[in-house]
Amino acid sequence: MRKYLRFIIVAFNVQMIYRGSMMLRGVRDVASVLFFVILWSALFKEQSVIKGFTFNAMVTYYILTKIIDQIYSYEPSRLMTRDILTGDLSNYLTKPMKYFAYMMFLSIGRRFARSFMSIVLVILAFVFIPQYVFVSPNASSFLFFCLSGFLSWLLLFECAFLLGTLSFWSSETSGIQTAFDQLVLVLGGSWVPLNLFPEAVTKITSILPFKYLYYNLVLVYQGKLSNNELVWQFAMQFFWVAVLFLCCYLSWKRGVKTYASFGK
């Protein structure tokens, strides 16, 4: 376990070299939140509640989705593609470690470093504009939010890892990876709360795992889910994490055999 924890430290230290880039990313995130604050302040002049969201709840929605987005890691798919296509994967296959675990801890270190400044700057919004934010109604809602967030992180990591395994069979997967990234943002509710979409779209999102990444996660924080809905939320997250882990395992095993057959 210690060797995997070291990957977090190494990845964090490497990413901290690029402090200027992290600062710019933080400024970008603050500007993004301010843009939505201005946009929704105009829309809420006509009515006090839109689809169950007050103005404070809507502002908090975008602050939280921005924080969540910075924590999530899409990197495994691209890092795996690089390792597979360059042949560097062979170095990891000969070492006494699991590549899945290595990639997971590496992603934690990289994302923590790259998102640190963004998270700090966005959280400052809770301090300097408290009149615009919605605080979690109770400690249990915040605890469930953290637990559900951890499962959501695993879910997206597994999706990215599964995408990375496609490079065993194709040398060009960047288009698929970019499309997937945008699909997650839209169908997950990062850009707009899912209940604002047409009914036909919400029916599609209801059967996909992406809604648990942003939209439902914020609802947990705001205490808008009933006890039964909360139980269903955790049950479905566990289900998708288990299914995706199995898919990652099978795709990895088959991909490694293909990789070895080409003598890379």
Protein backbone atom coordinates (compact mmCIF):
# COMPACT_ATOMS: atom_id res chain seq x y z
CA MET A 1 0.00 0.00 0.00
CA ARG A 2 2.88 2.38 0.78
CA LYS A 3 4.17 2.26 -2.77
CA TYR A 4 0.80 3.38 -4.09
CA LEU A 5 0.60 6.23 -1.57
CA ARG A 6 3.98 7.41 -2.82
CA PHE A 7 2.48 7.82 -6.27
CA ILE A 8 0.12 10.44 -4.79
CA ILE A 9 3.04 12.40 -3.35
CA VAL A 10 5.14 12.16 -6.51
CA ALA A 11 2.25 13.16 -8.78
CA PHE A 12 1.35 16.04 -6.47
CA ASN A 13 4.92 17.38 -6.38
CA VAL A 14 5.28 17.17 -10.15
CA GLN A 15 2.06 19.06 -10.76
CA MET A 16 2.91 21.74 -8.20
CA ILE A 17 5.74 22.83 -10.49
CA TYR A 18 3.12 24.41 -12.75
CA ARG A 19 1.83 26.98 -10.24
CA GLY A 20 1.12 29.58 -12.91
CA SER A 21 -1.13 27.20 -14.77
CA MET A 22 -2.98 26.33 -11.55
CA MET A 23 -3.53 30.02 -10.79
CA LEU A 24 -4.96 30.65 -14.25
CA ARG A 25 -7.23 27.64 -13.85
CA GLY A 26 -8.48 29.03 -10.54
CA VAL A 27 -9.21 32.43 -12.08
CA ARG A 28 -11.05 30.72 -14.93
CA ASP A 29 -13.24 28.78 -12.49
CA VAL A 30 -14.10 31.88 -10.48
CA ALA A 31 -14.98 33.73 -13.70
CA SER A 32 -17.17 30.80 -14.75
CA VAL A 33 -19.09 30.87 -11.47
CA LEU A 34 -19.52 34.65 -11.66
CA PHE A 35 -20.87 34.32 -15.20
CA PHE A 36 -23.60 31.95 -14.06
CA VAL A 37 -24.39 34.14 -11.04
CA ILE A 38 -25.01 37.10 -13.37
CA LEU A 39 -27.00 34.96 -15.82
CA TRP A 40 -29.31 33.42 -13.25
CA SER A 41 -29.75 36.67 -11.30
CA ALA A 42 -31.39 38.07 -14.45
CA LEU A 43 -33.60 35.01 -14.89
CA PHE A 44 -34.71 35.01 -11.26
CA LYS A 45 -35.95 38.58 -11.49
CA GLU A 46 -39.08 37.22 -13.12
CA GLN A 47 -39.71 34.47 -10.53
CA SER A 48 -38.38 33.37 -7.16
CA VAL A 49 -38.26 29.62 -7.87
CA ILE A 50 -37.33 27.82 -11.09
CA LYS A 51 -37.91 24.06 -11.24
CA GLY A 52 -37.49 23.74 -7.48
CA PHE A 53 -34.35 25.90 -7.33
CA THR A 54 -34.21 29.24 -5.53
CA PHE A 55 -31.59 31.72 -6.64
CA ASN A 56 -29.30 30.78 -3.73
CA ALA A 57 -29.69 27.07 -4.48
CA MET A 58 -28.91 27.66 -8.16
CA VAL A 59 -25.74 29.67 -7.41
CA THR A 60 -24.64 26.96 -4.98
CA TYR A 61 -25.36 24.37 -7.67
CA TYR A 62 -22.77 25.90 -10.00
CA ILE A 63 -20.23 26.45 -7.23
CA LEU A 64 -20.47 22.80 -6.22
CA THR A 65 -20.38 21.45 -9.77
CA LYS A 66 -17.22 23.47 -10.38
CA ILE A 67 -15.58 22.06 -7.24
CA ILE A 68 -16.72 18.54 -8.14
CA ASP A 69 -15.45 18.90 -11.70
CA GLN A 70 -11.99 19.86 -10.46
CA ILE A 71 -11.81 16.76 -8.26
CA TYR A 72 -12.84 14.34 -11.00
CA SER A 73 -10.11 12.79 -13.10
CA TYR A 74 -10.46 12.23 -16.84
CA GLU A 75 -6.73 11.69 -17.16
CA PRO A 76 -6.46 7.87 -16.96
CA SER A 77 -7.74 7.44 -20.52
CA ARG A 78 -5.07 9.75 -21.94
CA LEU A 79 -2.26 8.51 -19.71
CA MET A 80 -3.07 4.90 -20.59
CA THR A 81 -3.19 5.75 -24.29
CA ARG A 82 0.28 7.27 -24.01
CA ASP A 83 1.67 4.25 -22.13
CA ILE A 84 0.15 1.77 -24.57
CA LEU A 85 1.13 3.52 -27.80
CA THR A 86 4.69 4.33 -26.68
CA GLY A 87 5.28 0.86 -25.27
CA ASP A 88 5.91 2.22 -21.76
CA LEU A 89 3.16 -0.04 -20.45
CA SER A 90 5.63 -2.93 -20.60
CA ASN A 91 7.62 -1.31 -17.78
CA TYR A 92 4.58 -1.42 -15.49
CA LEU A 93 3.55 -4.95 -16.41
CA THR A 94 6.88 -6.29 -15.21
CA LYS A 95 6.67 -4.55 -11.84
CA PRO A 96 5.01 -6.00 -8.70
CA MET A 97 1.99 -3.72 -8.77
CA LYS A 98 -1.48 -3.41 -10.21
CA TYR A 99 -1.71 -0.92 -13.05
CA PHE A 100 -5.33 -0.10 -12.12
CA ALA A 101 -4.28 0.86 -8.56
CA TYR A 102 -1.22 2.72 -9.85
CA MET A 103 -3.36 4.80 -12.19
CA MET A 104 -5.91 5.48 -9.46
CA PHE A 105 -3.41 6.83 -6.94
CA LEU A 106 -1.53 8.73 -9.62
CA SER A 107 -4.80 10.40 -10.64
CA ILE A 108 -5.55 11.36 -7.03
CA GLY A 109 -2.19 13.10 -6.68
CA ARG A 110 -2.41 14.88 -10.02
CA ARG A 111 -5.97 16.07 -9.54
CA PHE A 112 -5.41 17.22 -5.97
CA ALA A 113 -2.50 19.39 -7.08
CA ARG A 114 -4.15 20.71 -10.23
CA SER A 115 -7.45 21.47 -8.51
CA PHE A 116 -6.09 22.84 -5.24
CA MET A 117 -6.08 26.51 -6.24
CA SER A 118 -9.40 26.23 -8.08
CA ILE A 119 -11.11 24.66 -5.09
CA VAL A 120 -9.73 27.28 -2.71
CA LEU A 121 -10.82 30.19 -4.89
CA VAL A 122 -14.28 28.79 -5.51
CA ILE A 123 -14.82 27.97 -1.83
CA LEU A 124 -14.03 31.60 -1.03
CA ALA A 125 -17.39 32.36 -2.61
CA PHE A 126 -19.01 30.78 0.44
CA VAL A 127 -17.12 33.29 2.58
CA PHE A 128 -17.44 36.52 0.60
CA ILE A 129 -20.90 36.09 -0.93
CA PRO A 130 -22.75 34.07 1.73
CA GLN A 131 -26.03 35.76 0.76
CA TYR A 132 -25.85 33.95 -2.58
CA VAL A 133 -25.09 30.43 -1.38
CA PHE A 134 -27.15 27.61 0.04
CA VAL A 135 -25.61 25.84 3.03
CA SER A 136 -26.32 22.13 3.50
CA PRO A 137 -29.34 21.91 5.84
CA ASN A 138 -27.76 19.40 8.22
CA ALA A 139 -24.59 17.45 8.93
CA SER A 140 -26.05 14.19 7.61
CA SER A 141 -26.71 15.74 4.18
CA PHE A 142 -23.11 16.91 3.99
CA LEU A 143 -21.83 13.48 5.10
CA PHE A 144 -23.97 11.71 2.49
CA PHE A 145 -22.70 14.23 -0.07
CA CYS A 146 -19.08 13.29 0.72
CA LEU A 147 -19.79 9.54 0.61
CA SER A 148 -21.75 9.82 -2.61
CA GLY A 149 -19.01 12.02 -4.05
CA PHE A 150 -16.42 9.33 -3.39
CA LEU A 151 -18.51 6.75 -5.25
CA SER A 152 -19.01 9.22 -8.09
CA TRP A 153 -15.25 9.74 -8.31
CA LEU A 154 -14.74 5.98 -8.58
CA LEU A 155 -17.45 5.75 -11.21
CA LEU A 156 -15.88 8.39 -13.46
CA PHE A 157 -12.38 7.01 -12.91
CA GLU A 158 -13.54 3.59 -14.08
CA CYS A 159 -15.17 5.14 -17.14
CA ALA A 160 -11.88 6.88 -17.99
CA PHE A 161 -9.88 3.70 -17.39
CA LEU A 162 -12.26 1.73 -19.61
CA LEU A 163 -11.84 4.31 -22.37
CA GLY A 164 -8.09 4.00 -21.99
CA THR A 165 -8.22 0.29 -22.71
CA LEU A 166 -9.59 1.07 -26.18
CA SER A 167 -6.04 2.03 -27.13
CA PHE A 168 -5.15 -1.65 -27.10
CA TRP A 169 -7.07 -1.97 -30.34
CA SER A 170 -6.95 1.54 -31.83
CA SER A 171 -4.15 4.09 -32.06
CA GLU A 172 -6.58 7.01 -32.36
CA THR A 173 -9.03 7.41 -29.48
CA SER A 174 -8.65 11.13 -28.75
CA GLY A 175 -11.91 11.93 -30.52
CA ILE A 176 -13.81 9.39 -28.44
CA GLN A 177 -12.22 10.67 -25.25
CA THR A 178 -13.09 14.30 -26.01
CA ALA A 179 -16.66 13.39 -26.95
CA PHE A 180 -17.02 11.40 -23.73
CA ASP A 181 -15.76 14.32 -21.63
CA GLN A 182 -18.37 16.65 -23.11
CA LEU A 183 -21.10 14.03 -22.88
CA VAL A 184 -20.45 13.65 -19.16
CA LEU A 185 -20.71 17.41 -18.60
CA VAL A 186 -24.02 17.65 -20.46
CA LEU A 187 -25.77 14.46 -19.31
CA GLY A 188 -24.29 14.74 -15.82
CA GLY A 189 -25.82 18.17 -15.26
CA SER A 190 -22.64 20.22 -15.00
CA TRP A 191 -23.80 22.89 -17.44
CA VAL A 192 -27.52 22.94 -16.63
CA PRO A 193 -29.54 21.10 -13.93
CA LEU A 194 -31.06 18.03 -15.54
CA ASN A 195 -34.62 18.88 -14.52
CA LEU A 196 -34.45 21.90 -16.85
CA PHE A 197 -34.04 19.64 -19.88
CA PRO A 198 -37.02 18.45 -21.95
CA GLU A 199 -38.75 15.32 -20.66
CA ALA A 200 -37.35 13.18 -23.48
CA VAL A 201 -33.80 14.04 -22.41
CA THR A 202 -34.46 13.46 -18.71
CA LYS A 203 -35.76 9.98 -19.50
CA ILE A 204 -32.44 9.19 -21.15
CA THR A 205 -30.40 10.61 -18.27
CA SER A 206 -32.46 8.63 -15.75
CA ILE A 207 -31.11 5.30 -17.03
CA LEU A 208 -27.48 6.45 -17.38
CA PRO A 209 -24.95 6.70 -14.55
CA PHE A 210 -23.86 10.25 -15.41
CA LYS A 211 -26.57 12.00 -13.39
CA TYR A 212 -24.89 10.77 -10.21
CA LEU A 213 -21.73 12.70 -11.08
CA TYR A 214 -23.13 16.23 -10.75
CA TYR A 215 -26.89 16.74 -10.63
CA ASN A 216 -27.92 14.13 -8.06
CA LEU A 217 -24.78 14.79 -6.04
CA VAL A 218 -25.75 18.44 -5.56
CA LEU A 219 -29.29 17.38 -4.66
CA VAL A 220 -27.80 15.23 -1.90
CA TYR A 221 -25.88 18.23 -0.55
CA GLN A 222 -28.98 20.42 -0.63
CA GLY A 223 -31.06 17.76 1.13
CA LYS A 224 -33.57 17.53 -1.71
CA LEU A 225 -33.66 13.73 -1.84
CA SER A 226 -36.03 11.74 0.37
CA ASN A 227 -34.72 8.81 2.42
CA ASN A 228 -35.92 6.33 -0.21
CA GLU A 229 -34.33 8.36 -3.01
CA LEU A 230 -31.10 8.56 -1.04
CA VAL A 231 -31.02 4.79 -0.57
CA TRP A 232 -31.68 4.34 -4.29
CA GLN A 233 -28.89 6.83 -5.06
CA PHE A 234 -26.31 4.80 -3.13
CA ALA A 235 -27.63 1.48 -4.44
CA MET A 236 -27.31 2.62 -8.06
CA GLN A 237 -23.87 4.10 -7.49
CA PHE A 238 -22.63 0.83 -5.99
CA PHE A 239 -24.22 -1.02 -8.90
CA TRP A 240 -22.52 1.12 -11.56
CA VAL A 241 -19.17 1.05 -9.76
CA ALA A 242 -19.33 -2.77 -9.63
CA VAL A 243 -20.42 -3.10 -13.28
CA LEU A 244 -17.77 -0.71 -14.56
CA PHE A 245 -15.07 -2.38 -12.47
CA LEU A 246 -15.96 -5.71 -14.06
CA CYS A 247 -15.87 -4.13 -17.52
CA CYS A 248 -12.47 -2.57 -16.76
CA TYR A 249 -11.13 -5.90 -15.54
CA LEU A 250 -12.32 -7.86 -18.58
CA SER A 251 -11.22 -5.21 -21.08
CA TRP A 252 -7.81 -4.89 -19.39
CA LYS A 253 -7.20 -8.65 -19.37
CA ARG A 254 -8.15 -9.03 -23.00
CA GLY A 255 -6.23 -5.90 -23.98
CA VAL A 256 -3.01 -7.03 -22.27
CA LYS A 257 -3.15 -10.30 -24.19
CA THR A 258 -3.51 -8.36 -27.43
CA TYR A 259 -0.70 -6.02 -26.37
CA ALA A 260 1.61 -8.95 -25.59
CA SER A 261 0.78 -10.69 -28.88
CA PHE A 262 2.22 -7.74 -30.79
CA GLY A 263 5.39 -7.97 -28.76
CA LYS A 264 5.30 -4.42 -27.40
